[in-house]
């Protein structure tokens, strides 16, 4: 049993979106709704919204598999 071979087979890909300060509440809500509609993903998915939109993103993604 190879320690690296077994580990690589169980590792999932991670896709992270960092949108800096682009967008506004309306366009961000549309983006997050589109992401939710596209679930499930073949990879782990996370978003990194600007600080001022963290609360909106957390509410929009609550209960989803998106971090």
PDB file of N, CA and C in Angstrom:
ATOM      1  N   UNK A   1       0.856  -1.184   0.000  1.00  0.00           N
ATOM      2  CA  UNK A   1       0.000   0.000   0.000  1.00  0.00           C
ATOM      3  C   UNK A   1       0.891   1.234   0.000  1.00  0.00           C
ATOM      4  N   UNK A   2       0.760   2.052  -0.993  1.00  0.00           N
ATOM      5  CA  UNK A   2       1.569   3.264  -1.122  1.00  0.00           C
ATOM      6  C   UNK A   2       0.879   4.420  -0.406  1.00  0.00           C
ATOM      7  N   UNK A   3       1.622   5.089   0.462  1.00  0.00           N
ATOM      8  CA  UNK A   3       1.004   6.192   1.210  1.00  0.00           C
ATOM      9  C   UNK A   3       0.657   7.360   0.301  1.00  0.00           C
ATOM     10  N   UNK A   4       1.485   7.661  -0.687  1.00  0.00           N
ATOM     11  CA  UNK A   4       1.171   8.794  -1.573  1.00  0.00           C
ATOM     12  C   UNK A   4       0.107   8.413  -2.587  1.00  0.00           C
ATOM     13  N   UNK A   5       0.125   7.189  -3.071  1.00  0.00           N
ATOM     14  CA  UNK A   5      -0.873   6.768  -4.050  1.00  0.00           C
ATOM     15  C   UNK A   5      -2.274   6.768  -3.482  1.00  0.00           C
ATOM     16  N   UNK A   6      -2.452   6.267  -2.269  1.00  0.00           N
ATOM     17  CA  UNK A   6      -3.766   6.246  -1.646  1.00  0.00           C
ATOM     18  C   UNK A   6      -4.256   7.651  -1.334  1.00  0.00           C
ATOM     19  N   UNK A   7      -3.344   8.503  -0.911  1.00  0.00           N
ATOM     20  CA  UNK A   7      -3.719   9.865  -0.562  1.00  0.00           C
ATOM     21  C   UNK A   7      -4.171  10.639  -1.785  1.00  0.00           C
ATOM     22  N   UNK A   8      -3.469  10.497  -2.879  1.00  0.00           N
ATOM     23  CA  UNK A   8      -3.812  11.235  -4.087  1.00  0.00           C
ATOM     24  C   UNK A   8      -5.159  10.804  -4.649  1.00  0.00           C
ATOM     25  N   UNK A   9      -5.515   9.566  -4.460  1.00  0.00           N
ATOM     26  CA  UNK A   9      -6.792   9.092  -4.991  1.00  0.00           C
ATOM     27  C   UNK A   9      -7.975   9.636  -4.203  1.00  0.00           C
ATOM     28  N   UNK A  10      -7.784  10.018  -2.965  1.00  0.00           N
ATOM     29  CA  UNK A  10      -8.896  10.504  -2.159  1.00  0.00           C
ATOM     30  C   UNK A  10      -8.945  12.026  -2.089  1.00  0.00           C
ATOM     31  N   UNK A  11      -7.946  12.689  -2.597  1.00  0.00           N
ATOM     32  CA  UNK A  11      -7.905  14.144  -2.534  1.00  0.00           C
ATOM     33  C   UNK A  11      -8.891  14.739  -3.537  1.00  0.00           C
ATOM     34  N   UNK A  12      -9.685  15.719  -3.101  1.00  0.00           N
ATOM     35  CA  UNK A  12     -10.611  16.408  -4.004  1.00  0.00           C
ATOM     36  C   UNK A  12     -10.011  17.723  -4.451  1.00  0.00           C
ATOM     37  N   UNK A  13     -10.384  18.150  -5.615  1.00  0.00           N
ATOM     38  CA  UNK A  13      -9.922  19.442  -6.122  1.00  0.00           C
ATOM     39  C   UNK A  13     -10.650  20.552  -5.377  1.00  0.00           C
ATOM     40  N   UNK A  14     -10.013  21.710  -5.317  1.00  0.00           N
ATOM     41  CA  UNK A  14     -10.581  22.886  -4.664  1.00  0.00           C
ATOM     42  C   UNK A  14     -10.564  24.047  -5.645  1.00  0.00           C
ATOM     43  N   UNK A  15     -11.715  24.656  -5.844  1.00  0.00           N
ATOM     44  CA  UNK A  15     -11.835  25.829  -6.705  1.00  0.00           C
ATOM     45  C   UNK A  15     -12.302  26.982  -5.829  1.00  0.00           C
ATOM     46  N   UNK A  16     -11.528  28.076  -5.825  1.00  0.00           N
ATOM     47  CA  UNK A  16     -11.842  29.226  -4.979  1.00  0.00           C
ATOM     48  C   UNK A  16     -11.963  30.459  -5.856  1.00  0.00           C
ATOM     49  N   UNK A  17     -13.044  31.205  -5.659  1.00  0.00           N
ATOM     50  CA  UNK A  17     -13.249  32.454  -6.394  1.00  0.00           C
ATOM     51  C   UNK A  17     -13.028  33.648  -5.477  1.00  0.00           C
ATOM     52  N   UNK A  18     -12.158  34.529  -5.877  1.00  0.00           N
ATOM     53  CA  UNK A  18     -11.855  35.748  -5.121  1.00  0.00           C
ATOM     54  C   UNK A  18     -12.171  36.927  -6.024  1.00  0.00           C
ATOM     55  N   UNK A  19     -13.265  37.635  -5.727  1.00  0.00           N
ATOM     56  CA  UNK A  19     -13.667  38.670  -6.670  1.00  0.00           C
ATOM     57  C   UNK A  19     -13.297  40.090  -6.255  1.00  0.00           C
ATOM     58  N   UNK A  20     -12.407  40.239  -5.319  1.00  0.00           N
ATOM     59  CA  UNK A  20     -11.903  41.555  -4.898  1.00  0.00           C
ATOM     60  C   UNK A  20     -13.085  42.493  -4.625  1.00  0.00           C
ATOM     61  N   UNK A  21     -13.023  43.726  -5.069  1.00  0.00           N
ATOM     62  CA  UNK A  21     -14.112  44.681  -4.832  1.00  0.00           C
ATOM     63  C   UNK A  21     -14.980  44.888  -6.070  1.00  0.00           C
ATOM     64  N   UNK A  22     -14.972  43.928  -6.978  1.00  0.00           N
ATOM     65  CA  UNK A  22     -15.823  44.030  -8.157  1.00  0.00           C
ATOM     66  C   UNK A  22     -17.257  43.676  -7.783  1.00  0.00           C
ATOM     67  N   UNK A  23     -18.210  44.272  -8.483  1.00  0.00           N
ATOM     68  CA  UNK A  23     -19.610  43.936  -8.281  1.00  0.00           C
ATOM     69  C   UNK A  23     -20.313  44.814  -7.265  1.00  0.00           C
ATOM     70  N   UNK A  24     -21.583  44.526  -7.103  1.00  0.00           N
ATOM     71  CA  UNK A  24     -22.423  45.200  -6.113  1.00  0.00           C
ATOM     72  C   UNK A  24     -23.372  44.148  -5.548  1.00  0.00           C
ATOM     73  N   UNK A  25     -24.245  44.543  -4.660  1.00  0.00           N
ATOM     74  CA  UNK A  25     -25.120  43.545  -4.008  1.00  0.00           C
ATOM     75  C   UNK A  25     -25.993  42.788  -5.003  1.00  0.00           C
ATOM     76  N   UNK A  26     -26.497  43.476  -6.000  1.00  0.00           N
ATOM     77  CA  UNK A  26     -27.379  42.816  -6.969  1.00  0.00           C
ATOM     78  C   UNK A  26     -26.597  41.809  -7.816  1.00  0.00           C
ATOM     79  N   UNK A  27     -25.452  42.230  -8.352  1.00  0.00           N
ATOM     80  CA  UNK A  27     -24.675  41.309  -9.199  1.00  0.00           C
ATOM     81  C   UNK A  27     -24.074  40.173  -8.369  1.00  0.00           C
ATOM     82  N   UNK A  28     -23.691  40.450  -7.128  1.00  0.00           N
ATOM     83  CA  UNK A  28     -23.162  39.398  -6.254  1.00  0.00           C
ATOM     84  C   UNK A  28     -24.240  38.359  -5.950  1.00  0.00           C
ATOM     85  N   UNK A  29     -25.463  38.812  -5.675  1.00  0.00           N
ATOM     86  CA  UNK A  29     -26.566  37.890  -5.396  1.00  0.00           C
ATOM     87  C   UNK A  29     -26.832  37.001  -6.610  1.00  0.00           C
ATOM     88  N   UNK A  30     -26.765  37.577  -7.800  1.00  0.00           N
ATOM     89  CA  UNK A  30     -26.975  36.790  -9.019  1.00  0.00           C
ATOM     90  C   UNK A  30     -25.859  35.763  -9.198  1.00  0.00           C
ATOM     91  N   UNK A  31     -24.626  36.157  -8.935  1.00  0.00           N
ATOM     92  CA  UNK A  31     -23.490  35.239  -9.041  1.00  0.00           C
ATOM     93  C   UNK A  31     -23.634  34.070  -8.067  1.00  0.00           C
ATOM     94  N   UNK A  32     -23.954  34.381  -6.825  1.00  0.00           N
ATOM     95  CA  UNK A  32     -24.081  33.335  -5.808  1.00  0.00           C
ATOM     96  C   UNK A  32     -25.267  32.411  -6.093  1.00  0.00           C
ATOM     97  N   UNK A  33     -26.356  32.967  -6.589  1.00  0.00           N
ATOM     98  CA  UNK A  33     -27.511  32.142  -6.961  1.00  0.00           C
ATOM     99  C   UNK A  33     -27.148  31.202  -8.111  1.00  0.00           C
ATOM    100  N   UNK A  34     -26.355  31.686  -9.048  1.00  0.00           N
ATOM    101  CA  UNK A  34     -25.908  30.844 -10.164  1.00  0.00           C
ATOM    102  C   UNK A  34     -25.022  29.710  -9.669  1.00  0.00           C
ATOM    103  N   UNK A  35     -24.152  30.015  -8.722  1.00  0.00           N
ATOM    104  CA  UNK A  35     -23.295  28.970  -8.157  1.00  0.00           C
ATOM    105  C   UNK A  35     -24.130  27.904  -7.457  1.00  0.00           C
ATOM    106  N   UNK A  36     -25.108  28.341  -6.670  1.00  0.00           N
ATOM    107  CA  UNK A  36     -25.972  27.376  -5.964  1.00  0.00           C
ATOM    108  C   UNK A  36     -26.742  26.508  -6.950  1.00  0.00           C
ATOM    109  N   UNK A  37     -27.206  27.118  -8.030  1.00  0.00           N
ATOM    110  CA  UNK A  37     -27.976  26.378  -9.026  1.00  0.00           C
ATOM    111  C   UNK A  37     -27.120  25.342  -9.752  1.00  0.00           C
ATOM    112  N   UNK A  38     -25.813  25.566  -9.788  1.00  0.00           N
ATOM    113  CA  UNK A  38     -24.904  24.665 -10.502  1.00  0.00           C
ATOM    114  C   UNK A  38     -24.456  23.480  -9.652  1.00  0.00           C
ATOM    115  N   UNK A  39     -24.801  23.453  -8.364  1.00  0.00           N
ATOM    116  CA  UNK A  39     -24.410  22.329  -7.510  1.00  0.00           C
ATOM    117  C   UNK A  39     -25.084  21.056  -7.986  1.00  0.00           C
ATOM    118  N   UNK A  40     -24.518  19.898  -7.742  1.00  0.00           N
ATOM    119  CA  UNK A  40     -23.261  19.602  -7.049  1.00  0.00           C
ATOM    120  C   UNK A  40     -22.077  19.743  -7.990  1.00  0.00           C
ATOM    121  N   UNK A  41     -20.922  19.968  -7.409  1.00  0.00           N
ATOM    122  CA  UNK A  41     -19.689  20.157  -8.155  1.00  0.00           C
ATOM    123  C   UNK A  41     -18.792  18.929  -8.019  1.00  0.00           C
ATOM    124  N   UNK A  42     -17.896  18.762  -8.959  1.00  0.00           N
ATOM    125  CA  UNK A  42     -16.917  17.673  -8.904  1.00  0.00           C
ATOM    126  C   UNK A  42     -15.728  18.060  -8.033  1.00  0.00           C
ATOM    127  N   UNK A  43     -15.736  19.294  -7.527  1.00  0.00           N
ATOM    128  CA  UNK A  43     -14.651  19.794  -6.678  1.00  0.00           C
ATOM    129  C   UNK A  43     -15.266  20.539  -5.498  1.00  0.00           C
ATOM    130  N   UNK A  44     -14.467  20.757  -4.471  1.00  0.00           N
ATOM    131  CA  UNK A  44     -14.888  21.631  -3.377  1.00  0.00           C
ATOM    132  C   UNK A  44     -14.895  23.056  -3.920  1.00  0.00           C
ATOM    133  N   UNK A  45     -15.874  23.844  -3.541  1.00  0.00           N
ATOM    134  CA  UNK A  45     -15.996  25.215  -4.056  1.00  0.00           C
ATOM    135  C   UNK A  45     -16.085  26.182  -2.883  1.00  0.00           C
ATOM    136  N   UNK A  46     -15.335  27.262  -2.989  1.00  0.00           N
ATOM    137  CA  UNK A  46     -15.355  28.309  -1.966  1.00  0.00           C
ATOM    138  C   UNK A  46     -15.321  29.667  -2.649  1.00  0.00           C
ATOM    139  N   UNK A  47     -15.893  30.645  -1.981  1.00  0.00           N
ATOM    140  CA  UNK A  47     -15.836  32.016  -2.488  1.00  0.00           C
ATOM    141  C   UNK A  47     -15.172  32.908  -1.440  1.00  0.00           C
ATOM    142  N   UNK A  48     -14.512  33.929  -1.911  1.00  0.00           N
ATOM    143  CA  UNK A  48     -13.842  34.899  -1.036  1.00  0.00           C
ATOM    144  C   UNK A  48     -14.360  36.280  -1.391  1.00  0.00           C
ATOM    145  N   UNK A  49     -15.504  36.638  -0.837  1.00  0.00           N
ATOM    146  CA  UNK A  49     -16.069  37.953  -1.157  1.00  0.00           C
ATOM    147  C   UNK A  49     -15.327  39.059  -0.422  1.00  0.00           C
ATOM    148  N   UNK A  50     -15.466  40.284  -0.898  1.00  0.00           N
ATOM    149  CA  UNK A  50     -14.922  41.421  -0.157  1.00  0.00           C
ATOM    150  C   UNK A  50     -15.572  41.491   1.228  1.00  0.00           C
ATOM    151  N   UNK A  51     -14.876  42.063   2.172  1.00  0.00           N
ATOM    152  CA  UNK A  51     -15.348  42.154   3.552  1.00  0.00           C
ATOM    153  C   UNK A  51     -16.767  42.705   3.650  1.00  0.00           C
ATOM    154  N   UNK A  52     -17.058  43.739   2.860  1.00  0.00           N
ATOM    155  CA  UNK A  52     -18.372  44.384   2.966  1.00  0.00           C
ATOM    156  C   UNK A  52     -19.516  43.488   2.489  1.00  0.00           C
ATOM    157  N   UNK A  53     -19.194  42.391   1.766  1.00  0.00           N
ATOM    158  CA  UNK A  53     -20.229  41.488   1.263  1.00  0.00           C
ATOM    159  C   UNK A  53     -20.220  40.118   1.942  1.00  0.00           C
ATOM    160  N   UNK A  54     -19.413  39.925   2.967  1.00  0.00           N
ATOM    161  CA  UNK A  54     -19.331  38.618   3.617  1.00  0.00           C
ATOM    162  C   UNK A  54     -20.695  38.191   4.176  1.00  0.00           C
ATOM    163  N   UNK A  55     -21.394  39.084   4.829  1.00  0.00           N
ATOM    164  CA  UNK A  55     -22.709  38.751   5.381  1.00  0.00           C
ATOM    165  C   UNK A  55     -23.698  38.357   4.306  1.00  0.00           C
ATOM    166  N   UNK A  56     -23.708  39.089   3.196  1.00  0.00           N
ATOM    167  CA  UNK A  56     -24.604  38.761   2.085  1.00  0.00           C
ATOM    168  C   UNK A  56     -24.269  37.387   1.519  1.00  0.00           C
ATOM    169  N   UNK A  57     -22.975  37.126   1.351  1.00  0.00           N
ATOM    170  CA  UNK A  57     -22.544  35.844   0.782  1.00  0.00           C
ATOM    171  C   UNK A  57     -22.898  34.707   1.733  1.00  0.00           C
ATOM    172  N   UNK A  58     -22.675  34.898   3.012  1.00  0.00           N
ATOM    173  CA  UNK A  58     -22.992  33.860   3.997  1.00  0.00           C
ATOM    174  C   UNK A  58     -24.487  33.545   3.979  1.00  0.00           C
ATOM    175  N   UNK A  59     -25.321  34.554   3.889  1.00  0.00           N
ATOM    176  CA  UNK A  59     -26.775  34.335   3.835  1.00  0.00           C
ATOM    177  C   UNK A  59     -27.178  33.634   2.554  1.00  0.00           C
ATOM    178  N   UNK A  60     -26.611  34.064   1.436  1.00  0.00           N
ATOM    179  CA  UNK A  60     -26.967  33.489   0.135  1.00  0.00           C
ATOM    180  C   UNK A  60     -26.515  32.041   0.018  1.00  0.00           C
ATOM    181  N   UNK A  61     -25.431  31.676   0.692  1.00  0.00           N
ATOM    182  CA  UNK A  61     -24.877  30.325   0.563  1.00  0.00           C
ATOM    183  C   UNK A  61     -25.224  29.404   1.730  1.00  0.00           C
ATOM    184  N   UNK A  62     -25.988  29.906   2.686  1.00  0.00           N
ATOM    185  CA  UNK A  62     -26.346  29.088   3.857  1.00  0.00           C
ATOM    186  C   UNK A  62     -27.033  27.800   3.415  1.00  0.00           C
ATOM    187  N   UNK A  63     -26.582  26.687   3.960  1.00  0.00           N
ATOM    188  CA  UNK A  63     -27.169  25.395   3.636  1.00  0.00           C
ATOM    189  C   UNK A  63     -26.655  24.771   2.358  1.00  0.00           C
ATOM    190  N   UNK A  64     -25.778  25.457   1.657  1.00  0.00           N
ATOM    191  CA  UNK A  64     -25.225  24.902   0.417  1.00  0.00           C
ATOM    192  C   UNK A  64     -23.905  24.214   0.725  1.00  0.00           C
ATOM    193  N   UNK A  65     -23.324  23.596  -0.262  1.00  0.00           N
ATOM    194  CA  UNK A  65     -22.028  22.965  -0.107  1.00  0.00           C
ATOM    195  C   UNK A  65     -20.883  23.898  -0.451  1.00  0.00           C
ATOM    196  N   UNK A  66     -21.197  25.167  -0.627  1.00  0.00           N
ATOM    197  CA  UNK A  66     -20.185  26.161  -1.027  1.00  0.00           C
ATOM    198  C   UNK A  66     -19.702  26.879   0.228  1.00  0.00           C
ATOM    199  N   UNK A  67     -18.396  26.929   0.392  1.00  0.00           N
ATOM    200  CA  UNK A  67     -17.815  27.584   1.566  1.00  0.00           C
ATOM    201  C   UNK A  67     -17.517  29.035   1.265  1.00  0.00           C
TER     202      UNK A  67
END
